């Protein structure tokens, strides 16, 4: 994963971070963060070794991501309170639901487009493991007591 940083992009911000891209690690990236470029004004860091594991109980979240029209990687990232010029990714997921839980917990979550190969593999996983909840028949209001009708 690559994170980009800009120094004072506006008078209201000292630093701006963005998740630039998520790249599949073929094992050649190493295991520690690398600075790709840092000229004092802008910087790029590569963060390898962030595993993404698919779980059957998150199949609905993967389905929602795929059906959104533009499937993405969801990246939860943090900044260093002692040094606000530093940021790093914590977790990466493909689940819309998991990303929503992070947002509910007031975490920073950004996204990056999903490449076609990963999208196809995720679709295969969803096709095997996702089963939508069956729709329940709604009882006609005439069978309900008047105080139960809405």
N, C-alpha and C. Protein backbone atom coordinates (compact mmCIF):
# COMPACT_ATOMS: atom_id res chain seq x y z
N UNK A 1 0.84 -1.16 0.00
CA UNK A 1 0.00 0.00 0.00
C UNK A 1 0.89 1.23 0.00
N UNK A 2 0.44 2.24 -0.72
CA UNK A 2 1.20 3.48 -0.78
C UNK A 2 0.38 4.61 -0.18
N UNK A 3 0.99 5.34 0.75
CA UNK A 3 0.38 6.53 1.34
C UNK A 3 1.18 7.74 0.88
N UNK A 4 0.45 8.76 0.42
CA UNK A 4 1.07 10.02 0.02
C UNK A 4 0.80 11.07 1.08
N UNK A 5 1.77 11.99 1.25
CA UNK A 5 1.62 13.07 2.23
C UNK A 5 2.02 14.39 1.57
N UNK A 6 1.22 15.43 1.84
CA UNK A 6 1.54 16.79 1.40
C UNK A 6 1.71 17.68 2.62
N UNK A 7 2.69 18.57 2.55
CA UNK A 7 2.94 19.52 3.64
C UNK A 7 2.16 20.80 3.35
N UNK A 8 1.38 21.26 4.30
CA UNK A 8 0.59 22.48 4.26
C UNK A 8 -0.14 22.66 2.92
N UNK A 9 -1.05 21.72 2.60
CA UNK A 9 -1.80 21.85 1.35
C UNK A 9 -2.76 23.04 1.36
N UNK A 10 -3.09 23.52 2.55
CA UNK A 10 -3.91 24.73 2.70
C UNK A 10 -3.51 25.40 4.01
N UNK A 11 -3.99 26.58 4.21
CA UNK A 11 -3.61 27.27 5.45
C UNK A 11 -4.26 26.66 6.69
N UNK A 12 -5.23 25.78 6.50
CA UNK A 12 -5.91 25.14 7.63
C UNK A 12 -5.34 23.78 7.98
N UNK A 13 -4.48 23.25 7.13
CA UNK A 13 -3.91 21.92 7.36
C UNK A 13 -2.39 21.99 7.36
N UNK A 14 -1.78 21.33 8.33
CA UNK A 14 -0.32 21.20 8.31
C UNK A 14 0.10 20.05 7.40
N UNK A 15 -0.68 18.96 7.43
CA UNK A 15 -0.37 17.76 6.64
C UNK A 15 -1.64 17.18 6.07
N UNK A 16 -1.57 16.65 4.87
CA UNK A 16 -2.69 15.92 4.27
C UNK A 16 -2.17 14.57 3.79
N UNK A 17 -2.88 13.53 4.21
CA UNK A 17 -2.51 12.17 3.84
C UNK A 17 -3.58 11.59 2.92
N UNK A 18 -3.16 10.73 2.00
CA UNK A 18 -4.12 10.03 1.15
C UNK A 18 -3.60 8.62 0.88
N UNK A 19 -4.55 7.70 0.83
CA UNK A 19 -4.22 6.34 0.44
C UNK A 19 -4.17 6.36 -1.08
N UNK A 20 -2.96 6.29 -1.64
CA UNK A 20 -2.78 6.46 -3.08
C UNK A 20 -3.13 5.20 -3.86
N UNK A 21 -2.69 4.05 -3.37
CA UNK A 21 -3.01 2.81 -4.06
C UNK A 21 -2.74 1.61 -3.15
N UNK A 22 -3.46 0.55 -3.44
CA UNK A 22 -3.22 -0.72 -2.77
C UNK A 22 -2.68 -1.65 -3.85
N UNK A 23 -1.49 -2.20 -3.60
CA UNK A 23 -0.80 -3.04 -4.56
C UNK A 23 -0.62 -4.42 -3.94
N UNK A 24 -0.90 -5.45 -4.70
CA UNK A 24 -0.67 -6.80 -4.19
C UNK A 24 0.82 -7.03 -4.03
N UNK A 25 1.20 -7.53 -2.87
CA UNK A 25 2.60 -7.78 -2.54
C UNK A 25 3.01 -9.15 -3.05
N UNK A 26 3.94 -9.18 -3.98
CA UNK A 26 4.42 -10.45 -4.52
C UNK A 26 5.59 -11.01 -3.71
N UNK A 27 5.85 -10.40 -2.56
CA UNK A 27 6.94 -10.85 -1.70
C UNK A 27 8.21 -10.05 -1.87
N UNK A 28 8.25 -9.17 -2.87
CA UNK A 28 9.45 -8.40 -3.14
C UNK A 28 9.50 -7.04 -2.45
N UNK A 29 8.48 -6.70 -1.68
CA UNK A 29 8.44 -5.40 -1.02
C UNK A 29 9.17 -5.37 0.31
N UNK A 30 9.49 -6.52 0.86
CA UNK A 30 10.10 -6.57 2.18
C UNK A 30 9.01 -6.57 3.25
N UNK A 31 9.40 -6.37 4.49
CA UNK A 31 8.43 -6.43 5.58
C UNK A 31 8.32 -5.13 6.36
N UNK A 32 9.13 -4.13 6.03
CA UNK A 32 9.08 -2.87 6.77
C UNK A 32 8.73 -1.72 5.83
N UNK A 33 8.27 -0.65 6.43
CA UNK A 33 7.89 0.55 5.68
C UNK A 33 9.10 1.11 4.94
N UNK A 34 8.87 1.57 3.73
CA UNK A 34 9.94 2.18 2.94
C UNK A 34 9.52 3.56 2.48
N UNK A 35 10.44 4.49 2.51
CA UNK A 35 10.20 5.82 1.96
C UNK A 35 10.55 5.75 0.48
N UNK A 36 9.57 6.03 -0.36
CA UNK A 36 9.81 6.03 -1.80
C UNK A 36 10.31 7.38 -2.27
N UNK A 37 9.79 8.43 -1.60
CA UNK A 37 10.20 9.79 -1.96
C UNK A 37 9.83 10.69 -0.80
N UNK A 38 10.71 11.65 -0.49
CA UNK A 38 10.41 12.65 0.53
C UNK A 38 11.28 13.86 0.27
N UNK A 39 10.68 14.91 -0.26
CA UNK A 39 11.43 16.13 -0.54
C UNK A 39 11.10 17.24 0.45
N UNK A 40 10.42 16.89 1.54
CA UNK A 40 10.05 17.88 2.55
C UNK A 40 8.66 18.46 2.29
N UNK A 41 8.28 18.62 1.03
CA UNK A 41 6.95 19.13 0.68
C UNK A 41 5.96 17.98 0.46
N UNK A 42 6.40 16.95 -0.23
CA UNK A 42 5.55 15.79 -0.45
C UNK A 42 6.37 14.52 -0.20
N UNK A 43 5.66 13.48 0.17
CA UNK A 43 6.33 12.21 0.47
C UNK A 43 5.44 11.06 0.04
N UNK A 44 6.06 9.92 -0.22
CA UNK A 44 5.36 8.69 -0.53
C UNK A 44 6.01 7.56 0.27
N UNK A 45 5.15 6.75 0.91
CA UNK A 45 5.64 5.61 1.68
C UNK A 45 4.98 4.35 1.17
N UNK A 46 5.72 3.27 1.20
CA UNK A 46 5.20 1.96 0.85
C UNK A 46 5.11 1.14 2.13
N UNK A 47 3.92 0.62 2.40
CA UNK A 47 3.68 -0.21 3.57
C UNK A 47 3.36 -1.63 3.11
N UNK A 48 4.32 -2.53 3.19
CA UNK A 48 4.07 -3.92 2.77
C UNK A 48 3.49 -4.75 3.91
N UNK A 49 3.16 -5.97 3.57
CA UNK A 49 2.82 -6.98 4.58
C UNK A 49 1.55 -6.64 5.36
N UNK A 50 0.51 -6.18 4.66
CA UNK A 50 -0.80 -5.98 5.29
C UNK A 50 -1.73 -7.06 4.75
N UNK A 51 -1.92 -8.13 5.51
CA UNK A 51 -2.72 -9.24 5.00
C UNK A 51 -4.20 -8.90 4.89
N UNK A 52 -4.85 -9.48 3.91
CA UNK A 52 -6.30 -9.38 3.76
C UNK A 52 -6.82 -10.82 3.73
N UNK A 53 -7.66 -11.14 4.68
CA UNK A 53 -8.22 -12.48 4.78
C UNK A 53 -9.72 -12.40 4.57
N UNK A 54 -10.24 -13.27 3.73
CA UNK A 54 -11.69 -13.31 3.51
C UNK A 54 -12.32 -14.26 4.51
N UNK A 55 -13.44 -13.81 5.10
CA UNK A 55 -14.15 -14.61 6.10
C UNK A 55 -15.58 -14.83 5.62
N UNK A 56 -16.07 -16.05 5.78
CA UNK A 56 -17.43 -16.38 5.33
C UNK A 56 -18.49 -15.50 5.97
N UNK A 57 -18.30 -15.17 7.25
CA UNK A 57 -19.33 -14.37 7.93
C UNK A 57 -19.33 -12.90 7.49
N UNK A 58 -18.39 -12.50 6.65
CA UNK A 58 -18.37 -11.15 6.08
C UNK A 58 -18.84 -11.15 4.62
N UNK A 59 -19.38 -12.27 4.14
CA UNK A 59 -19.77 -12.39 2.73
C UNK A 59 -20.76 -11.31 2.32
N UNK A 60 -21.68 -10.94 3.22
CA UNK A 60 -22.64 -9.88 2.88
C UNK A 60 -21.91 -8.55 2.64
N UNK A 61 -20.91 -8.24 3.46
CA UNK A 61 -20.14 -7.02 3.29
C UNK A 61 -19.36 -7.01 1.98
N UNK A 62 -18.85 -8.16 1.57
CA UNK A 62 -18.16 -8.25 0.28
C UNK A 62 -19.15 -8.06 -0.86
N UNK A 63 -20.34 -8.67 -0.70
CA UNK A 63 -21.39 -8.52 -1.71
C UNK A 63 -21.78 -7.04 -1.86
N UNK A 64 -21.95 -6.35 -0.74
CA UNK A 64 -22.32 -4.93 -0.80
C UNK A 64 -21.23 -4.10 -1.48
N UNK A 65 -19.97 -4.42 -1.21
CA UNK A 65 -18.86 -3.73 -1.87
C UNK A 65 -18.93 -3.95 -3.38
N UNK A 66 -19.09 -5.21 -3.80
CA UNK A 66 -19.14 -5.53 -5.23
C UNK A 66 -20.35 -4.91 -5.92
N UNK A 67 -21.48 -4.86 -5.23
CA UNK A 67 -22.71 -4.36 -5.85
C UNK A 67 -22.81 -2.84 -5.82
N UNK A 68 -21.81 -2.17 -5.24
CA UNK A 68 -21.85 -0.71 -5.15
C UNK A 68 -21.63 -0.03 -6.50
N UNK A 69 -21.15 -0.77 -7.48
CA UNK A 69 -20.85 -0.18 -8.78
C UNK A 69 -19.37 0.11 -8.96
N UNK A 70 -18.70 0.46 -7.87
CA UNK A 70 -17.26 0.72 -7.91
C UNK A 70 -16.62 0.04 -6.71
N UNK A 71 -16.29 -1.25 -6.82
CA UNK A 71 -15.69 -1.96 -5.68
C UNK A 71 -14.34 -1.35 -5.29
N UNK A 72 -14.08 -1.34 -3.99
CA UNK A 72 -12.87 -0.70 -3.47
C UNK A 72 -12.22 -1.52 -2.36
N UNK A 73 -10.96 -1.19 -2.08
CA UNK A 73 -10.29 -1.60 -0.87
C UNK A 73 -10.67 -0.58 0.19
N UNK A 74 -10.93 -1.01 1.41
CA UNK A 74 -11.15 -0.10 2.53
C UNK A 74 -9.92 -0.16 3.42
N UNK A 75 -9.35 1.00 3.72
CA UNK A 75 -8.12 1.07 4.50
C UNK A 75 -8.35 1.93 5.74
N UNK A 76 -8.15 1.33 6.91
CA UNK A 76 -8.21 2.09 8.16
C UNK A 76 -6.79 2.51 8.49
N UNK A 77 -6.59 3.82 8.71
CA UNK A 77 -5.24 4.34 8.95
C UNK A 77 -5.26 5.33 10.10
N UNK A 78 -4.08 5.56 10.65
CA UNK A 78 -3.94 6.45 11.81
C UNK A 78 -2.76 7.38 11.63
N UNK A 79 -2.78 8.47 12.40
CA UNK A 79 -1.64 9.38 12.44
C UNK A 79 -1.01 9.29 13.82
N UNK A 80 0.24 9.71 13.90
CA UNK A 80 0.99 9.70 15.15
C UNK A 80 0.69 10.99 15.90
N UNK A 81 0.16 10.89 17.13
CA UNK A 81 -0.15 12.10 17.91
C UNK A 81 1.12 12.86 18.30
N UNK A 82 2.20 12.14 18.52
CA UNK A 82 3.46 12.79 18.89
C UNK A 82 4.12 13.46 17.68
N UNK A 83 3.94 12.88 16.50
CA UNK A 83 4.51 13.43 15.27
C UNK A 83 3.43 13.41 14.18
N UNK A 84 2.64 14.48 14.08
CA UNK A 84 1.52 14.49 13.13
C UNK A 84 1.92 14.44 11.66
N UNK A 85 3.21 14.45 11.38
CA UNK A 85 3.65 14.32 10.00
C UNK A 85 3.75 12.86 9.56
N UNK A 86 3.42 11.93 10.47
CA UNK A 86 3.51 10.50 10.17
C UNK A 86 2.12 9.86 10.20
N UNK A 87 1.89 8.97 9.27
CA UNK A 87 0.65 8.19 9.22
C UNK A 87 0.98 6.79 8.73
N UNK A 88 0.11 5.83 9.05
CA UNK A 88 0.34 4.46 8.63
C UNK A 88 -1.00 3.73 8.55
N UNK A 89 -1.08 2.72 7.69
CA UNK A 89 -2.30 1.91 7.62
C UNK A 89 -2.30 0.87 8.73
N UNK A 90 -3.47 0.63 9.28
CA UNK A 90 -3.62 -0.39 10.33
C UNK A 90 -4.19 -1.68 9.76
N UNK A 91 -5.29 -1.58 9.02
CA UNK A 91 -6.01 -2.76 8.54
C UNK A 91 -6.56 -2.47 7.14
N UNK A 92 -6.61 -3.51 6.33
CA UNK A 92 -7.22 -3.42 5.00
C UNK A 92 -8.31 -4.48 4.92
N UNK A 93 -9.45 -4.12 4.33
CA UNK A 93 -10.53 -5.09 4.15
C UNK A 93 -11.24 -4.84 2.83
N UNK A 94 -12.03 -5.81 2.44
CA UNK A 94 -12.89 -5.69 1.26
C UNK A 94 -14.35 -5.65 1.66
N UNK A 95 -14.62 -5.68 2.96
CA UNK A 95 -15.99 -5.73 3.47
C UNK A 95 -16.56 -4.34 3.75
N UNK A 96 -17.65 -4.03 3.09
CA UNK A 96 -18.36 -2.78 3.30
C UNK A 96 -18.83 -2.69 4.76
N UNK A 97 -19.31 -3.80 5.30
CA UNK A 97 -19.81 -3.79 6.68
C UNK A 97 -18.70 -3.54 7.69
N UNK A 98 -17.55 -4.16 7.48
CA UNK A 98 -16.43 -3.97 8.41
C UNK A 98 -15.96 -2.51 8.37
N UNK A 99 -15.87 -1.94 7.18
CA UNK A 99 -15.48 -0.53 7.06
C UNK A 99 -16.50 0.36 7.77
N UNK A 100 -17.75 0.03 7.67
CA UNK A 100 -18.79 0.79 8.37
C UNK A 100 -18.63 0.73 9.88
N UNK A 101 -18.25 -0.43 10.40
CA UNK A 101 -18.02 -0.54 11.85
C UNK A 101 -16.84 0.32 12.28
N UNK A 102 -15.79 0.38 11.46
CA UNK A 102 -14.64 1.25 11.77
C UNK A 102 -15.07 2.71 11.79
N UNK A 103 -15.87 3.11 10.80
CA UNK A 103 -16.35 4.50 10.76
C UNK A 103 -17.21 4.81 11.98
N UNK A 104 -18.06 3.85 12.38
CA UNK A 104 -18.88 4.04 13.57
C UNK A 104 -18.01 4.23 14.82
N UNK A 105 -16.82 3.65 14.82
CA UNK A 105 -15.88 3.77 15.94
C UNK A 105 -14.99 5.00 15.81
N UNK A 106 -15.32 5.91 14.87
CA UNK A 106 -14.60 7.17 14.67
C UNK A 106 -13.18 6.98 14.13
N UNK A 107 -12.94 5.89 13.41
CA UNK A 107 -11.64 5.65 12.80
C UNK A 107 -11.59 6.35 11.44
N UNK A 108 -10.37 6.59 10.96
CA UNK A 108 -10.19 7.14 9.60
C UNK A 108 -10.20 5.98 8.62
N UNK A 109 -11.07 6.06 7.63
CA UNK A 109 -11.17 5.02 6.62
C UNK A 109 -11.22 5.68 5.26
N UNK A 110 -10.32 5.28 4.39
CA UNK A 110 -10.31 5.74 3.00
C UNK A 110 -10.41 4.51 2.11
N UNK A 111 -10.64 4.76 0.83
CA UNK A 111 -10.73 3.63 -0.07
C UNK A 111 -9.94 3.88 -1.34
N UNK A 112 -9.64 2.79 -2.03
CA UNK A 112 -8.92 2.81 -3.31
C UNK A 112 -9.62 1.83 -4.24
N UNK A 113 -9.64 2.14 -5.52
CA UNK A 113 -10.30 1.23 -6.47
C UNK A 113 -9.69 -0.17 -6.44
N UNK A 114 -10.54 -1.13 -6.65
CA UNK A 114 -10.15 -2.53 -6.67
C UNK A 114 -9.78 -2.92 -8.09
N UNK A 115 -8.63 -3.58 -8.25
CA UNK A 115 -8.24 -3.97 -9.61
C UNK A 115 -9.08 -5.16 -10.07
N UNK A 116 -9.24 -5.35 -11.37
CA UNK A 116 -10.13 -6.38 -11.90
C UNK A 116 -9.82 -7.80 -11.43
N UNK A 117 -8.55 -8.15 -11.29
CA UNK A 117 -8.21 -9.50 -10.84
C UNK A 117 -8.71 -9.79 -9.44
N UNK A 118 -8.55 -8.84 -8.54
CA UNK A 118 -9.02 -9.02 -7.16
C UNK A 118 -10.54 -9.00 -7.13
N UNK A 119 -11.13 -8.12 -7.93
CA UNK A 119 -12.60 -8.05 -8.00
C UNK A 119 -13.18 -9.40 -8.44
N UNK A 120 -12.57 -10.03 -9.45
CA UNK A 120 -13.06 -11.31 -9.93
C UNK A 120 -12.91 -12.40 -8.87
N UNK A 121 -11.79 -12.42 -8.16
CA UNK A 121 -11.59 -13.40 -7.09
C UNK A 121 -12.59 -13.18 -5.96
N UNK A 122 -12.86 -11.92 -5.62
CA UNK A 122 -13.84 -11.62 -4.58
C UNK A 122 -15.23 -12.04 -5.04
N UNK A 123 -15.56 -11.83 -6.31
CA UNK A 123 -16.86 -12.25 -6.83
C UNK A 123 -17.02 -13.77 -6.72
N UNK A 124 -15.96 -14.51 -7.02
CA UNK A 124 -16.00 -15.97 -6.89
C UNK A 124 -16.28 -16.37 -5.44
N UNK A 125 -15.63 -15.70 -4.49
CA UNK A 125 -15.85 -15.99 -3.06
C UNK A 125 -17.30 -15.70 -2.67
N UNK A 126 -17.81 -14.57 -3.12
CA UNK A 126 -19.19 -14.18 -2.80
C UNK A 126 -20.18 -15.16 -3.42
N UNK A 127 -19.94 -15.58 -4.65
CA UNK A 127 -20.84 -16.53 -5.31
C UNK A 127 -20.94 -17.83 -4.53
N UNK A 128 -19.85 -18.24 -3.90
CA UNK A 128 -19.84 -19.49 -3.14
C UNK A 128 -20.46 -19.31 -1.75
N UNK A 129 -20.15 -18.20 -1.06
CA UNK A 129 -20.48 -18.08 0.36
C UNK A 129 -21.64 -17.16 0.72
N UNK A 130 -22.06 -16.29 -0.15
CA UNK A 130 -23.12 -15.35 0.22
C UNK A 130 -24.49 -15.91 -0.12
N UNK A 131 -25.34 -15.96 0.88
CA UNK A 131 -26.74 -16.35 0.70
C UNK A 131 -27.60 -15.26 1.35
N UNK A 132 -28.34 -14.51 0.52
CA UNK A 132 -29.17 -13.45 1.10
C UNK A 132 -30.25 -14.03 2.01
N UNK A 133 -30.62 -13.22 2.99
CA UNK A 133 -31.71 -13.62 3.88
C UNK A 133 -32.99 -13.78 3.07
N UNK A 134 -33.74 -14.87 3.29
CA UNK A 134 -34.99 -15.01 2.55
C UNK A 134 -35.98 -13.93 2.98
N UNK A 135 -36.73 -13.43 2.01
CA UNK A 135 -37.72 -12.40 2.33
C UNK A 135 -38.88 -13.06 3.08
N UNK A 136 -39.35 -12.37 4.10
CA UNK A 136 -40.45 -12.90 4.90
C UNK A 136 -41.75 -12.31 4.40
N UNK A 137 -42.73 -13.15 4.36
CA UNK A 137 -44.04 -12.71 3.92
C UNK A 137 -44.66 -11.82 4.99
N UNK A 138 -45.14 -10.68 4.56
CA UNK A 138 -45.79 -9.78 5.50
C UNK A 138 -47.26 -10.16 5.61
N UNK A 139 -47.72 -10.30 6.84
CA UNK A 139 -49.12 -10.66 7.07
C UNK A 139 -50.01 -9.47 6.71
N UNK A 140 -51.11 -9.75 6.08
CA UNK A 140 -52.05 -8.65 5.79
C UNK A 140 -52.51 -7.98 7.07
N UNK A 141 -52.74 -6.68 7.00
CA UNK A 141 -53.14 -5.91 8.18
C UNK A 141 -54.46 -6.39 8.76
N UNK A 142 -55.30 -7.02 7.94
CA UNK A 142 -56.60 -7.48 8.44
C UNK A 142 -56.45 -8.58 9.48
N UNK A 143 -55.28 -9.25 9.53
CA UNK A 143 -55.06 -10.30 10.52
C UNK A 143 -54.46 -9.75 11.81
N UNK A 144 -54.16 -8.48 11.86
CA UNK A 144 -53.57 -7.86 13.04
C UNK A 144 -54.65 -7.12 13.84
N UNK A 145 -54.44 -7.05 15.14
CA UNK A 145 -55.35 -6.28 15.98
C UNK A 145 -55.18 -4.80 15.60
N UNK A 146 -56.22 -3.99 15.74
CA UNK A 146 -56.13 -2.58 15.33
C UNK A 146 -54.97 -1.81 15.94
N UNK A 147 -54.60 -2.10 17.19
CA UNK A 147 -53.49 -1.37 17.82
C UNK A 147 -52.12 -1.81 17.28
N UNK A 148 -52.04 -2.94 16.58
CA UNK A 148 -50.81 -3.43 16.02
C UNK A 148 -50.59 -2.96 14.58
N UNK A 149 -51.63 -2.39 13.96
CA UNK A 149 -51.52 -1.95 12.57
C UNK A 149 -50.78 -0.64 12.48
N UNK A 150 -50.00 -0.46 11.41
CA UNK A 150 -49.27 0.80 11.19
C UNK A 150 -49.52 1.31 9.81
